[in-house]
Protein backbone atom coordinates (compact mmCIF):
# COMPACT_ATOMS: atom_id res chain seq x y z
CA MET A 1 72.47 109.19 112.72
CA SER A 2 72.73 105.31 113.93
CA LEU A 3 76.04 103.63 113.82
CA PRO A 4 74.01 101.02 111.53
CA PHE A 5 73.27 102.77 109.05
CA ILE A 6 76.86 104.68 108.86
CA GLN A 7 78.30 100.98 108.48
CA LYS A 8 75.84 100.43 105.35
CA ILE A 9 76.85 103.88 103.75
CA LEU A 10 80.54 103.60 104.28
CA PRO A 11 81.18 101.74 101.58
CA TYR A 12 79.40 103.80 98.75
CA ALA A 13 81.09 106.83 100.36
CA ARG A 14 84.36 104.70 99.96
CA TYR A 15 83.29 103.97 96.32
CA PHE A 16 82.58 107.51 95.56
CA LYS A 17 85.87 109.11 97.08
CA TYR A 18 88.07 106.49 95.79
CA MET A 19 86.36 107.22 92.23
CA ARG A 20 86.65 111.06 92.22
CA ASN A 21 90.71 110.71 93.07
CA LEU A 22 90.33 108.28 89.77
CA LYS A 23 89.39 110.81 87.64
CA ARG A 24 91.39 113.90 89.15
CA ALA A 25 94.21 111.24 88.43
CA GLN A 26 93.49 110.44 85.30
CA ARG A 27 93.42 114.15 84.06
CA ASP A 28 96.90 114.46 85.59
CA ALA A 29 98.15 111.24 83.74
CA ALA A 30 96.89 112.65 80.59
CA ASN A 31 99.34 116.12 81.07
CA PRO A 32 102.01 115.25 79.09
CA SER A 33 105.55 116.03 79.87
CA GLY A 34 107.31 116.10 76.87
CA GLY A 35 110.02 113.32 78.49
CA ILE A 36 110.71 115.75 81.25
CA PRO A 37 111.74 114.31 83.81
CA LEU A 38 110.81 115.18 87.87
CA VAL A 39 112.46 117.91 89.40
CA GLN A 40 112.25 116.95 92.52
CA PRO A 41 112.01 112.70 92.89
CA VAL A 42 109.40 111.10 95.06
CA SER A 43 110.46 109.04 97.81
CA PHE A 44 108.95 105.90 98.63
CA VAL A 45 108.01 103.77 101.66
CA LEU A 46 107.45 100.44 101.14
CA GLY A 47 107.52 96.89 102.86
CA CYS A 48 105.28 93.59 103.38
CA GLY A 49 101.67 95.25 104.93
CA ARG A 50 101.34 94.91 108.39
CA SER A 51 104.91 96.30 109.09
CA GLY A 52 104.92 99.33 109.96
CA THR A 53 104.53 101.51 106.81
CA THR A 54 101.37 103.01 108.00
CA ILE A 55 102.61 104.44 110.99
CA THR A 56 105.58 105.53 109.57
CA GLY A 57 103.35 107.78 106.90
CA LYS A 58 100.99 109.12 109.39
CA LEU A 59 104.22 110.59 111.24
CA LEU A 60 105.60 111.56 107.86
CA THR A 61 102.19 113.22 106.90
CA GLN A 62 102.36 115.52 109.83
CA HIS A 63 105.97 116.74 108.84
CA ARG A 64 105.87 120.51 107.61
CA GLU A 65 108.95 119.35 104.27
CA VAL A 66 106.46 116.43 103.26
CA HIS A 67 103.49 116.68 101.21
CA TYR A 68 102.32 112.82 101.80
CA LEU A 69 100.71 110.15 99.35
CA ARG A 70 99.15 107.21 101.51
CA GLU A 71 98.66 104.25 98.81
CA PRO A 72 97.32 106.29 96.36
CA TYR A 73 95.75 103.50 94.71
CA HIS A 74 93.98 106.28 92.44
CA LEU A 75 97.40 107.66 90.62
CA TRP A 76 98.70 103.49 89.90
CA ARG A 77 95.59 102.97 88.10
CA ALA A 78 95.55 105.78 86.42
CA ILE A 79 99.20 105.04 85.24
CA GLU A 80 98.64 101.07 85.05
CA PRO A 81 95.49 99.62 85.62
CA SER A 82 96.40 96.28 86.46
CA THR A 83 97.92 97.25 89.76
CA ASP A 84 94.86 97.90 91.36
CA MET A 85 95.65 94.17 92.72
CA VAL A 86 92.45 94.44 95.17
CA ARG A 87 90.24 95.90 92.72
CA LEU A 88 89.60 98.58 94.21
CA PHE A 89 87.85 100.18 91.43
CA GLY A 90 85.88 97.93 89.87
CA ASP A 91 86.89 95.26 86.50
CA ALA A 92 89.80 97.33 84.87
CA GLY A 93 88.98 94.62 81.77
CA VAL A 94 92.75 93.87 82.66
CA GLU A 95 93.77 91.12 85.26
CA PRO A 96 95.20 92.56 88.44
CA ARG A 97 99.19 92.10 89.39
CA CYS A 98 101.15 92.09 92.49
CA ILE A 99 105.00 91.80 90.98
CA PHE A 100 106.27 94.24 87.80
CA ASN A 101 110.00 94.66 85.91
CA GLU A 102 111.55 97.21 84.27
CA GLN A 103 110.18 96.04 80.71
CA ASP A 104 106.45 97.53 81.94
CA ALA A 105 107.62 100.85 82.50
CA THR A 106 106.84 101.63 78.65
CA GLU A 107 107.57 105.26 77.48
CA ALA A 108 103.90 105.57 78.12
CA LEU A 109 103.65 104.79 81.26
CA VAL A 110 106.83 106.46 83.06
CA GLU A 111 104.74 109.47 81.08
CA ARG A 112 101.58 108.84 82.30
CA PHE A 113 103.84 108.73 85.60
CA ASN A 114 105.71 111.96 85.30
CA GLY A 115 102.06 113.42 85.15
CA CYS A 116 100.52 112.23 88.20
CA MET A 117 103.58 113.25 90.19
CA ARG A 118 103.76 116.37 89.02
CA GLY A 119 100.05 117.20 89.99
CA GLU A 120 100.51 115.67 93.59
CA GLN A 121 103.93 118.16 93.89
CA ALA A 122 101.52 121.16 92.41
CA ARG A 123 99.17 120.23 95.12
CA GLY A 124 101.85 119.59 98.03
CA THR A 125 103.72 123.41 96.44
CA ALA A 126 107.36 123.23 95.81
CA ARG A 127 108.59 123.17 98.88
CA LYS A 128 107.50 120.38 99.81
CA LYS A 129 108.89 116.74 99.08
CA VAL A 130 106.20 113.77 97.70
CA ILE A 131 106.66 110.74 99.49
CA GLU A 132 104.15 107.94 99.03
CA LYS A 133 103.26 105.20 101.13
CA THR A 134 102.30 102.24 98.99
CA PRO A 135 103.55 98.64 100.56
CA ILE A 136 103.00 96.36 97.50
CA HIS A 137 106.14 98.48 95.91
CA ALA A 138 107.82 96.12 97.66
CA MET A 139 107.16 94.10 94.73
CA ARG A 140 107.78 96.68 92.18
CA ILE A 141 110.84 98.15 92.40
CA PRO A 142 112.06 97.97 89.08
CA LEU A 143 109.36 99.17 87.98
CA LEU A 144 109.48 102.52 89.96
CA HIS A 145 113.41 103.01 89.48
CA ALA A 146 112.48 102.77 85.48
CA CYS A 147 109.96 105.66 86.14
CA SER A 148 112.17 107.43 88.84
CA PRO A 149 115.86 106.86 88.74
CA GLU A 150 116.87 109.17 91.63
CA SER A 151 114.05 108.14 93.92
CA LYS A 152 114.90 107.68 97.73
CA TYR A 153 113.78 104.28 99.44
CA ALA A 154 112.99 103.34 102.72
CA HIS A 155 112.10 99.33 103.44
CA LEU A 156 110.43 98.83 106.34
CA VAL A 157 110.73 94.99 107.71
CA ARG A 158 108.96 92.97 110.09
CA ASN A 159 108.94 90.17 111.95
CA GLY A 160 107.34 87.94 109.54
CA LEU A 161 105.43 85.57 112.34
CA ASP A 162 103.80 88.77 113.06
CA VAL A 163 103.02 90.34 110.49
CA VAL A 164 101.14 86.44 109.12
CA GLN A 165 99.07 86.38 112.03
CA SER A 166 97.72 90.21 111.35
CA VAL A 167 97.56 89.54 107.50
CA ASP A 168 95.06 86.57 109.24
CA ARG A 169 93.30 88.62 111.94
CA LEU A 170 92.68 91.58 109.13
CA SER A 171 91.84 89.11 106.35
CA LYS A 172 88.32 87.88 109.20
CA ASP A 173 87.49 91.37 109.48
CA SER A 174 84.26 91.88 107.94
CA ASN A 175 83.64 95.72 108.95
CA PHE A 176 85.64 97.15 106.20
CA GLY A 177 83.68 97.42 102.75
CA VAL A 178 84.28 99.45 99.31
CA ALA A 179 80.31 99.48 97.22
CA GLY A 180 80.91 97.26 93.68
CA LYS A 181 80.17 94.31 92.10
CA GLY A 182 81.84 91.53 94.16
CA THR A 183 82.61 90.61 97.60
CA TRP A 184 85.12 92.59 99.84
CA ASN A 185 87.84 91.02 101.87
CA ARG A 186 89.66 93.68 103.71
CA TRP A 187 93.53 91.95 103.08
CA TRP A 188 92.19 89.88 99.68
CA GLY A 189 90.54 92.66 97.60
CA ARG A 190 87.05 92.25 95.75
CA ASP A 191 86.74 88.47 95.16
CA ASN A 192 90.45 87.45 96.65
CA CYS A 193 91.45 88.85 93.56
CA LYS A 194 94.58 89.93 95.09
CA TRP A 195 95.61 86.45 96.45
CA ASP A 196 94.79 85.23 92.63
CA ALA A 197 97.24 88.16 91.37
CA LEU A 198 99.72 87.22 94.10
CA LYS A 199 99.29 83.13 93.18
CA HIS A 200 99.54 83.65 89.22
CA ASP A 201 102.73 86.14 89.86
CA ALA A 202 104.64 84.14 92.36
CA ILE A 203 104.16 81.00 90.03
CA GLN A 204 105.26 83.38 87.19
CA PHE A 205 108.41 84.54 88.62
CA GLU A 206 109.23 81.15 90.44
CA TYR A 207 108.11 80.93 93.34
CA PHE A 208 107.13 77.96 94.69
CA ALA A 209 105.31 77.16 91.96
CA ASP A 210 104.89 73.88 93.19
CA GLU A 211 103.54 74.55 96.56
CA VAL A 212 101.66 77.53 96.07
CA PRO A 213 98.55 75.86 94.85
CA THR A 214 98.74 73.81 98.12
CA LEU A 215 98.57 76.91 99.99
CA THR A 216 94.97 77.13 101.66
CA THR A 217 95.33 78.99 105.28
CA ASP A 218 95.43 83.06 105.08
CA ILE A 219 98.14 82.30 107.43
CA GLN A 220 100.15 79.96 104.67
CA MET A 221 99.10 83.16 101.78
CA GLY A 222 100.35 86.15 104.11
CA ALA A 223 103.43 84.07 104.46
CA LEU A 224 103.83 84.00 100.69
CA GLU A 225 103.32 87.87 100.17
CA TRP A 226 105.87 88.17 103.24
CA ILE A 227 108.76 85.79 101.48
CA ILE A 228 108.03 87.63 98.06
CA SER A 229 107.70 91.24 99.75
CA VAL A 230 111.28 90.58 101.24
CA MET A 231 113.34 88.50 98.58
CA GLU A 232 112.31 90.84 96.03
CA VAL A 233 113.79 93.65 97.38
CA SER A 234 116.91 91.75 98.77
CA LYS A 235 117.02 90.77 94.54
CA HIS A 236 116.95 94.50 93.96
CA LYS A 237 119.13 96.43 96.60
CA GLU A 238 122.19 96.05 94.22
CA LEU A 239 119.65 98.23 91.44
CA LEU A 240 119.27 100.50 94.33
CA GLY A 241 122.46 101.11 96.18
CA GLU A 242 122.47 103.65 98.36
CA SER A 243 119.10 105.11 97.45
CA LEU A 244 117.72 101.94 99.40
CA ILE A 245 117.96 102.32 103.29
CA GLU A 246 116.38 99.20 105.96
CA ILE A 247 114.50 99.43 109.21
CA THR A 248 113.05 97.01 110.98
CA TYR A 249 109.80 97.14 113.11
CA GLU A 250 111.59 96.46 115.83
CA GLU A 251 114.11 99.68 115.47
CA LEU A 252 111.18 101.41 114.86
CA THR A 253 109.46 100.91 118.07
CA THR A 254 111.99 100.76 120.44
CA GLU A 255 115.12 103.50 118.93
CA THR A 256 112.08 105.18 117.64
CA GLU A 257 114.47 108.50 117.38
CA MET A 258 117.31 107.30 115.81
CA SER A 259 114.94 105.27 112.95
CA PHE A 260 113.23 108.66 112.48
CA ARG A 261 116.40 110.43 111.97
CA ARG A 262 117.70 107.76 109.56
CA LEU A 263 114.63 108.25 107.68
CA THR A 264 114.64 112.44 107.83
CA GLU A 265 118.52 111.93 106.38
CA HIS A 266 117.64 109.50 103.94
CA PHE A 267 114.86 111.62 102.78
CA GLY A 268 116.22 115.20 102.93
CA ILE A 269 114.08 117.03 105.28
CA GLN A 270 114.93 118.48 108.76
CA PRO A 271 114.04 116.30 111.72
CA TYR A 272 112.76 119.32 114.11
CA ASP A 273 112.29 118.74 117.89
CA GLU A 274 108.34 119.25 118.21
CA TRP A 275 107.81 116.60 115.17
CA MET A 276 110.74 114.64 116.41
CA THR A 277 108.63 114.33 120.00
CA ASN A 278 105.62 113.95 118.60
CA CYS A 279 106.94 110.70 116.08
CA LYS A 280 108.48 109.29 120.04
CA GLU A 281 105.46 109.81 121.65
CA THR A 282 102.71 107.96 119.15
CA ILE A 283 104.94 105.28 118.42
CA ASN A 284 103.89 102.21 120.73
CA PRO A 285 105.91 99.42 121.53
CA PRO A 286 105.89 96.44 119.33
CA ARG A 287 102.82 94.25 119.15
CA ARG A 288 103.58 90.46 120.21
CA TYR A 289 101.57 87.35 119.08
CA ASP A 290 101.35 84.18 120.69
CA VAL A 291 101.94 81.67 117.99
CA GLN A 292 105.70 81.09 118.21
CA SER A 293 105.80 78.52 114.81
CA ILE A 294 103.39 78.16 111.34
CA GLU A 295 103.21 75.04 109.10
CA LEU A 296 104.18 75.79 105.74
CA PRO A 297 105.08 73.79 102.38
CA PRO A 298 109.27 72.59 102.48
CA ASN A 299 110.54 75.16 100.00
CA MET A 300 108.75 78.21 101.52
CA CYS A 301 109.21 76.51 104.82
CA LYS A 302 113.13 76.72 103.99
CA ALA A 303 113.30 81.11 102.57
CA PHE A 304 110.63 81.78 105.58
CA ASN A 305 113.10 80.65 108.12
CA GLU A 306 116.36 82.19 106.49
CA LEU A 307 114.56 85.44 106.23
CA GLN A 308 114.08 85.31 110.32
CA GLU A 309 117.32 84.23 110.75
CA LYS A 310 118.89 86.87 108.32
CA TYR A 311 116.76 90.13 110.37
CA GLY A 312 117.51 88.04 113.46
CA PHE A 313 113.99 87.58 114.32
CA GLN A 314 112.39 85.00 116.37
CA GLY A 315 110.01 82.10 116.07
CA ARG A 316 110.44 79.71 113.23
CA ALA A 317 108.16 77.84 110.47
CA THR A 318 107.89 74.06 110.32
CA SER A 319 106.75 72.07 107.19
């Protein structure tokens, strides 16, 4: 089978796979729980995309005590259709959103959340801990906490300059696609709907309302996503208390054993030798980008640089 043919059919294969997963999630979501909470709360790995969440999740999925969920957008589409910020499953009849708060956690939504997570716990067997990795959840902490107050969280933070340059690179990658109406962008979704949602939510939640409409490049748009992701986690640290830990990408890649021991202790799983060795052999040195500065509007620039300073990251934005 030729490579061009495979590349041509992959978007359709992805679409049918996602729709199959969605139908299963919708069945789980419709299974009533009678208000009974989950026996074992779900744990979450989150952080702005391109911050190390994927490699962390890849290693967690190899842990014998973990039932790992990699960006289960099908579950969240069944729980609340507007969470599908890239329209992975097509038009849901509601506008996609990025930021959610506790008011969005209606009784019906929490019931659907419990139904979906019970389904995953059953598929993972009772002895396994369900850990979900969805980067955008950094903007949804109050909703997650309202659904599952006992959950644990790991927030991965990476140098903002490296993040936005990685976003810029992926947003120009045309080798990934999902069949359906509209054009597909690997970062911004169908017809750039993720950017439209982020822009709308940023203005609604008073993040640089005067400056957001002026952003035109993927670098600038990625910077807005990074700033909001990190600031939303910071805003809700008191709410989460000791259920939240933070690990920088630098720590993950240069102090790998320490980082994964922190993760396992936090999530209540055992860091056995074989798995830990695999972690250390899999993690590569941090990728560095050449650009040491980006140009942002004044208020965004100030916020970006304050976060860079807070985490001890090199490089600054200019306005």
